[in-house]
Amino acid sequence: MTLQDITSRFILPGPVVYHEEIATGLINTTFAITCRSGKTETRFILQSINSAVFPEPEKVMENIFHVIGHIGTRDSHTEQLCLIPLLDGRSWLKLPDNTVWRCYPFHENTETFEKINSPQLAYRAAAAFGHFQARLADLDPSTLHETIPKFHHTPTYYAKLLAAVEKNPVERLAGAQAEVDFIISQKNLTTLLTDAGLPQRITHNDTKISNILFPTNPNLPPIVIDLDTVMPGLALFDFGDLVRSAASSAAEDEQDLSKVYVDENLRKALTEGYLSTAGDFLTPEELKLLPVAPKVITLELASRFLTDHLLGDTYFKTKYPGHNLVRARNQLALLKSM
């Protein structure tokens, strides 16, 4: 089926006169399409879900549809992500090969960032993710699918690391023993959030700065995008991963560990921004554990990188031998600076 065949199934203002693939995403196939009606041209985002990552893409779409609808009833006058319906009334297109396509409006006059470069931007980003959680705080998490089982369950990743250490299938343990020993010494962190009896929330699960659209008009609120991983989870994992990714002084594969640490000014701004919108719904226990959430998620990711290194780089893409070990060491340096 051609791109024209696919777009013809959606309710669009006119025929597609131009399209270009957006190659920045790592998972899905994404196009910016331009429709023409008379002299007016309007852009949309057309996207297919990667079924290798999400083997049940319709469950992903059911979650997105449910979440978007709920937010719309709360903030009907605020610009947000919404789905363009098909001619038959459905909200996504499923092809015979199990490929699922969806279409969103293109949010004009917005910008995205790959890196937080100021406390002001950190505050706005954290407030956006906190507001996203707050608008879903009264939606029953059990109404959503767990599309990636145990996506943030630190004890599971810790157990996988120990299993990889035991098997040592590609004989890499000797060069990573120090990292393994340090993670084992931090075992208490692995259960700190999962065993605390925290309430299940509806969470984003990919709280990086690039998943926010910032309107060029500073008076308009940011828009949280990329909802494929929205599902039941712990609010503190969202916050912890935001701090881990946004407040780090260096990229995840920086080899000079002296350059890897938490920027305290950014961490403070992220915390204040998040609490400005999420503080009212968080429980006392969630507030109490907020400061340690970044440590838990950083240890979790370090465990995942190290496990993949020990297993022969079967999950994360690598650019050179030992790349995952570099990533693991990077995250452990970040953890030690917290």
Protein backbone atom coordinates (compact mmCIF):
# COMPACT_ATOMS: atom_id res chain seq x y z
CA MET A 1 0.00 0.00 0.00
CA THR A 2 1.41 3.38 -1.01
CA LEU A 3 1.61 6.47 1.16
CA GLN A 4 -1.17 8.02 -0.90
CA ASP A 5 -3.36 4.96 -0.29
CA ILE A 6 -2.76 5.24 3.45
CA THR A 7 -3.41 8.98 3.69
CA SER A 8 -6.59 8.62 1.63
CA ARG A 9 -8.12 6.67 4.51
CA PHE A 10 -7.83 9.60 6.94
CA ILE A 11 -10.10 12.65 7.16
CA LEU A 12 -7.73 15.29 5.81
CA PRO A 13 -8.55 18.75 4.39
CA GLY A 14 -7.26 17.86 0.91
CA PRO A 15 -4.88 15.68 -1.07
CA VAL A 16 -1.29 15.20 0.03
CA VAL A 17 0.95 17.34 -2.18
CA TYR A 18 4.23 16.81 -0.36
CA HIS A 19 5.76 14.44 2.17
CA GLU A 20 9.13 13.93 3.80
CA GLU A 21 10.39 11.31 6.20
CA ILE A 22 11.47 12.52 9.64
CA ALA A 23 14.52 10.46 10.51
CA THR A 24 15.13 11.69 14.07
CA GLY A 25 13.01 9.01 15.74
CA LEU A 26 14.69 5.73 16.70
CA ILE A 27 11.69 3.40 16.66
CA ASN A 28 8.75 4.34 14.43
CA THR A 29 8.56 5.40 10.78
CA THR A 30 7.42 9.02 10.63
CA PHE A 31 6.45 11.35 7.81
CA ALA A 32 5.51 15.03 7.69
CA ILE A 33 2.77 15.34 5.08
CA THR A 34 1.34 18.51 3.55
CA CYS A 35 -2.30 18.67 2.42
CA ARG A 36 -3.69 21.36 0.13
CA SER A 37 -7.22 22.75 0.15
CA GLY A 38 -7.56 25.64 -2.28
CA LYS A 39 -4.65 27.93 -1.45
CA THR A 40 -4.30 26.67 2.11
CA GLU A 41 -1.66 24.10 3.01
CA THR A 42 -1.79 22.20 6.30
CA ARG A 43 0.80 19.81 7.70
CA PHE A 44 0.23 16.57 9.60
CA ILE A 45 2.35 13.82 11.14
CA LEU A 46 1.79 10.35 9.69
CA GLN A 47 3.40 7.51 11.60
CA SER A 48 3.54 3.72 11.68
CA ILE A 49 4.24 1.84 14.90
CA ASN A 50 7.24 -0.47 14.97
CA SER A 51 5.67 -3.86 15.72
CA ALA A 52 9.10 -5.33 16.55
CA VAL A 53 9.21 -3.06 19.60
CA PHE A 54 5.45 -3.07 20.22
CA PRO A 55 4.17 -6.52 19.15
CA GLU A 56 0.58 -5.51 19.96
CA PRO A 57 0.37 -2.05 18.37
CA GLU A 58 -3.39 -1.81 18.72
CA LYS A 59 -3.03 -1.96 22.50
CA VAL A 60 -0.59 0.96 22.24
CA MET A 61 -3.21 2.87 20.26
CA GLU A 62 -6.00 1.99 22.69
CA ASN A 63 -3.90 3.47 25.52
CA ILE A 64 -3.18 6.62 23.52
CA PHE A 65 -6.82 7.03 22.53
CA HIS A 66 -7.95 6.59 26.13
CA VAL A 67 -5.37 9.03 27.53
CA ILE A 68 -5.94 11.70 24.89
CA GLY A 69 -9.69 11.52 25.41
CA HIS A 70 -9.35 11.86 29.17
CA ILE A 71 -7.01 14.83 28.94
CA GLY A 72 -9.38 16.45 26.44
CA THR A 73 -12.21 16.35 28.96
CA ARG A 74 -9.97 18.04 31.53
CA ASP A 75 -8.37 20.70 29.32
CA SER A 76 -10.64 21.03 26.32
CA HIS A 77 -9.32 24.50 25.42
CA THR A 78 -5.60 23.65 25.68
CA GLU A 79 -3.73 22.51 22.59
CA GLN A 80 -2.64 18.91 22.98
CA LEU A 81 -1.90 15.78 21.00
CA CYS A 82 -4.98 14.47 19.17
CA LEU A 83 -5.69 11.78 16.61
CA ILE A 84 -7.01 12.45 13.10
CA PRO A 85 -9.86 9.97 12.51
CA LEU A 86 -10.29 7.70 9.53
CA LEU A 87 -13.17 7.99 7.10
CA ASP A 88 -14.82 4.98 8.73
CA GLY A 89 -14.66 6.66 12.16
CA ARG A 90 -11.80 4.67 13.63
CA SER A 91 -8.77 6.42 15.11
CA TRP A 92 -6.00 4.34 13.55
CA LEU A 93 -5.44 2.24 10.46
CA LYS A 94 -4.48 -1.43 10.75
CA LEU A 95 -3.17 -3.08 7.60
CA PRO A 96 -3.29 -6.82 6.84
CA ASP A 97 0.41 -7.16 7.73
CA ASN A 98 -0.39 -5.96 11.29
CA THR A 99 1.17 -2.53 10.63
CA VAL A 100 -0.69 0.25 12.43
CA TRP A 101 -0.72 3.84 11.14
CA ARG A 102 -1.91 6.96 12.94
CA CYS A 103 -2.09 10.62 12.03
CA TYR A 104 -1.66 13.70 14.23
CA PRO A 105 -1.89 17.43 13.52
CA PHE A 106 1.49 19.07 12.99
CA HIS A 107 1.97 21.56 15.82
CA GLU A 108 3.27 24.65 14.08
CA ASN A 109 5.25 27.36 15.86
CA THR A 110 6.81 24.94 18.32
CA GLU A 111 10.37 23.84 18.98
CA THR A 112 12.06 20.84 20.54
CA PHE A 113 15.34 20.44 22.39
CA GLU A 114 17.76 17.54 22.61
CA LYS A 115 19.45 18.89 25.73
CA ILE A 116 18.34 21.11 28.60
CA ASN A 117 20.65 24.11 28.66
CA SER A 118 19.21 26.28 31.42
CA PRO A 119 17.38 26.00 34.76
CA GLN A 120 14.46 27.88 33.18
CA LEU A 121 14.03 25.23 30.48
CA ALA A 122 14.47 22.47 33.06
CA TYR A 123 11.67 23.95 35.16
CA ARG A 124 9.30 24.17 32.17
CA ALA A 125 10.07 20.62 31.05
CA ALA A 126 9.53 19.10 34.49
CA ALA A 127 6.35 21.11 34.98
CA ALA A 128 5.06 19.77 31.64
CA PHE A 129 5.60 16.14 32.62
CA GLY A 130 4.15 16.77 36.08
CA HIS A 131 1.09 18.40 34.52
CA PHE A 132 0.72 15.42 32.19
CA GLN A 133 0.63 13.07 35.18
CA ALA A 134 -1.70 15.37 37.12
CA ARG A 135 -4.29 15.40 34.33
CA LEU A 136 -4.33 11.59 34.43
CA ALA A 137 -4.26 11.20 38.22
CA ASP A 138 -7.99 10.48 38.37
CA LEU A 139 -7.96 7.92 35.54
CA ASP A 140 -7.91 4.30 36.72
CA PRO A 141 -4.56 2.77 35.66
CA SER A 142 -6.22 -0.63 35.28
CA THR A 143 -8.08 0.70 32.25
CA LEU A 144 -4.79 0.82 30.32
CA HIS A 145 -2.72 -2.02 28.89
CA GLU A 146 0.76 -2.83 30.16
CA THR A 147 2.24 -2.81 26.67
CA ILE A 148 5.80 -3.55 27.86
CA PRO A 149 5.59 -5.85 30.91
CA LYS A 150 7.78 -4.77 33.84
CA PHE A 151 9.21 -1.91 31.80
CA HIS A 152 10.45 -0.18 34.96
CA HIS A 153 10.87 -2.96 37.49
CA THR A 154 14.37 -2.58 38.86
CA PRO A 155 14.51 -5.96 40.68
CA THR A 156 13.85 -7.72 37.36
CA TYR A 157 16.80 -5.99 35.68
CA TYR A 158 18.99 -6.73 38.71
CA ALA A 159 18.06 -10.42 38.46
CA LYS A 160 18.89 -10.42 34.75
CA LEU A 161 22.30 -8.96 35.52
CA LEU A 162 23.04 -11.67 38.08
CA ALA A 163 21.96 -14.31 35.55
CA ALA A 164 24.30 -12.80 32.93
CA VAL A 165 27.14 -12.80 35.46
CA GLU A 166 26.49 -16.46 36.25
CA LYS A 167 26.45 -17.53 32.59
CA ASN A 168 29.12 -15.14 31.27
CA PRO A 169 28.39 -16.44 27.75
CA VAL A 170 30.94 -14.33 25.85
CA GLU A 171 33.52 -14.25 28.65
CA ARG A 172 33.41 -10.52 29.33
CA LEU A 173 32.97 -10.70 33.10
CA ALA A 174 36.65 -10.23 33.98
CA GLY A 175 36.72 -6.78 32.38
CA ALA A 176 33.50 -5.71 34.09
CA GLN A 177 33.89 -7.22 37.57
CA ALA A 178 34.34 -3.86 39.29
CA GLU A 179 31.06 -2.56 37.82
CA VAL A 180 29.22 -5.74 38.77
CA ASP A 181 30.54 -5.54 42.33
CA PHE A 182 29.44 -1.93 42.68
CA ILE A 183 25.91 -2.66 41.46
CA ILE A 184 25.66 -5.58 43.89
CA SER A 185 26.76 -3.22 46.68
CA GLN A 186 23.77 -1.02 45.80
CA LYS A 187 21.22 -3.85 45.93
CA ASN A 188 19.11 -1.97 48.47
CA LEU A 189 18.27 0.62 45.81
CA THR A 190 16.77 -2.00 43.49
CA THR A 191 13.67 -2.53 45.65
CA LEU A 192 13.39 0.92 47.18
CA LEU A 193 10.56 2.08 44.89
CA THR A 194 8.94 -1.19 43.79
CA ASP A 195 8.49 -2.46 47.37
CA ALA A 196 7.39 0.85 48.91
CA GLY A 197 3.68 0.32 48.30
CA LEU A 198 3.45 3.39 46.08
CA PRO A 199 0.22 3.87 44.11
CA GLN A 200 0.02 2.82 40.50
CA ARG A 201 -0.29 5.85 38.24
CA ILE A 202 -0.58 6.42 34.52
CA THR A 203 2.93 7.40 33.50
CA HIS A 204 4.71 8.49 30.34
CA ASN A 205 7.78 6.23 30.73
CA ASP A 206 10.00 8.17 28.31
CA THR A 207 10.48 11.54 29.97
CA LYS A 208 13.27 12.97 27.87
CA ILE A 209 13.30 16.62 26.88
CA SER A 210 12.85 15.82 23.17
CA ASN A 211 9.37 14.46 23.93
CA ILE A 212 8.05 17.95 24.67
CA LEU A 213 6.95 20.55 22.11
CA PHE A 214 7.58 24.08 23.37
CA PRO A 215 5.43 26.76 21.70
CA THR A 216 7.45 29.74 20.50
CA ASN A 217 4.85 31.84 22.32
CA PRO A 218 6.09 31.49 25.93
CA ASN A 219 2.57 32.13 27.25
CA LEU A 220 1.34 28.82 25.82
CA PRO A 221 1.89 25.57 27.74
CA PRO A 222 4.25 22.86 26.42
CA ILE A 223 2.79 19.77 24.76
CA VAL A 224 3.92 16.29 25.84
CA ILE A 225 4.25 13.95 22.84
CA ASP A 226 5.33 10.37 22.05
CA LEU A 227 2.74 8.50 24.11
CA ASP A 228 3.63 5.00 22.90
CA THR A 229 4.96 3.96 26.31
CA VAL A 230 2.11 5.46 28.33
CA MET A 231 0.85 2.75 30.69
CA PRO A 232 0.46 1.97 34.40
CA GLY A 233 3.57 2.62 36.46
CA LEU A 234 5.13 4.60 39.29
CA ALA A 235 5.20 8.39 39.03
CA LEU A 236 8.67 8.47 40.56
CA PHE A 237 10.20 6.52 37.69
CA ASP A 238 9.07 9.29 35.33
CA PHE A 239 10.61 11.92 37.58
CA GLY A 240 13.75 9.90 38.21
CA ASP A 241 14.40 9.30 34.52
CA LEU A 242 13.83 12.97 33.76
CA VAL A 243 16.51 13.97 36.27
CA ARG A 244 18.84 11.21 35.12
CA SER A 245 18.66 12.25 31.48
CA ALA A 246 18.24 16.01 31.80
CA ALA A 247 20.55 16.91 34.68
CA SER A 248 23.54 14.88 33.55
CA SER A 249 26.53 16.96 32.54
CA ALA A 250 27.47 14.63 29.69
CA ALA A 251 26.11 12.24 27.07
CA GLU A 252 25.32 8.65 28.08
CA ASP A 253 28.44 7.33 26.34
CA GLU A 254 30.98 9.94 27.51
CA GLN A 255 34.15 7.97 28.27
CA ASP A 256 35.87 10.62 30.38
CA LEU A 257 34.09 9.94 33.66
CA SER A 258 35.47 13.13 35.21
CA LYS A 259 32.99 14.94 32.95
CA VAL A 260 30.01 12.93 34.21
CA TYR A 261 28.05 14.33 37.15
CA VAL A 262 24.66 15.73 38.09
CA ASP A 263 24.25 19.45 37.49
CA GLU A 264 22.77 20.54 40.81
CA ASN A 265 21.24 23.72 39.39
CA LEU A 266 19.36 21.67 36.81
CA ARG A 267 18.32 19.04 39.35
CA LYS A 268 16.92 21.74 41.62
CA ALA A 269 15.00 23.35 38.76
CA LEU A 270 13.64 19.98 37.62
CA THR A 271 12.44 19.17 41.14
CA GLU A 272 10.78 22.55 41.61
CA GLY A 273 9.15 22.39 38.19
CA TYR A 274 7.82 18.89 38.72
CA LEU A 275 6.41 19.68 42.17
CA SER A 276 4.75 22.85 40.85
CA THR A 277 2.31 20.68 38.88
CA ALA A 278 2.52 17.21 40.47
CA GLY A 279 2.86 18.16 44.13
CA ASP A 280 -0.86 18.23 44.81
CA PHE A 281 -1.56 14.60 43.85
CA LEU A 282 1.59 12.88 45.12
CA THR A 283 1.25 10.99 48.41
CA PRO A 284 3.50 11.73 51.41
CA GLU A 285 5.45 8.54 50.71
CA GLU A 286 5.99 9.54 47.07
CA LEU A 287 7.23 12.95 48.18
CA LYS A 288 9.53 11.32 50.71
CA LEU A 289 11.12 9.07 48.06
CA LEU A 290 11.33 11.73 45.36
CA PRO A 291 15.04 12.53 45.99
CA VAL A 292 16.14 8.90 45.59
CA ALA A 293 14.14 8.19 42.42
CA PRO A 294 16.95 9.39 40.10
CA LYS A 295 19.39 7.05 41.87
CA VAL A 296 17.11 4.04 41.36
CA ILE A 297 16.50 4.66 37.67
CA THR A 298 20.19 5.38 37.04
CA LEU A 299 21.18 2.11 38.70
CA GLU A 300 18.50 0.36 36.64
CA LEU A 301 19.87 1.68 33.35
CA ALA A 302 23.45 0.91 34.36
CA SER A 303 22.34 -2.66 35.09
CA ARG A 304 20.69 -2.92 31.68
CA PHE A 305 23.78 -1.64 29.84
CA LEU A 306 26.07 -3.95 31.80
CA THR A 307 23.81 -6.97 31.27
CA ASP A 308 23.78 -6.34 27.53
CA HIS A 309 27.56 -6.04 27.52
CA LEU A 310 27.93 -9.38 29.32
CA LEU A 311 25.48 -11.06 26.93
CA GLY A 312 27.27 -9.85 23.82
CA ASP A 313 25.38 -6.65 22.93
CA THR A 314 22.09 -8.24 21.93
CA TYR A 315 19.69 -5.40 22.81
CA PHE A 316 21.20 -1.92 22.65
CA LYS A 317 22.79 -0.82 19.39
CA THR A 318 26.54 -0.28 19.72
CA LYS A 319 29.01 1.72 17.67
CA TYR A 320 32.21 0.06 18.84
CA PRO A 321 33.38 -2.88 21.00
CA GLY A 322 32.74 -2.20 24.68
CA HIS A 323 30.20 0.55 23.99
CA ASN A 324 27.69 -0.85 26.48
CA LEU A 325 30.39 -1.16 29.14
CA VAL A 326 31.23 2.52 28.57
CA ARG A 327 27.55 3.36 28.97
CA ALA A 328 27.32 1.34 32.18
CA ARG A 329 30.39 3.03 33.65
CA ASN A 330 28.95 6.40 32.64
CA GLN A 331 25.69 5.76 34.49
CA LEU A 332 27.49 4.47 37.56
CA ALA A 333 29.63 7.63 37.63
CA LEU A 334 26.42 9.65 37.41
CA LEU A 335 24.94 7.61 40.27
CA LYS A 336 28.00 8.19 42.45
CA SER A 337 27.66 11.94 41.94
CA MET A 338 24.06 11.98 43.21
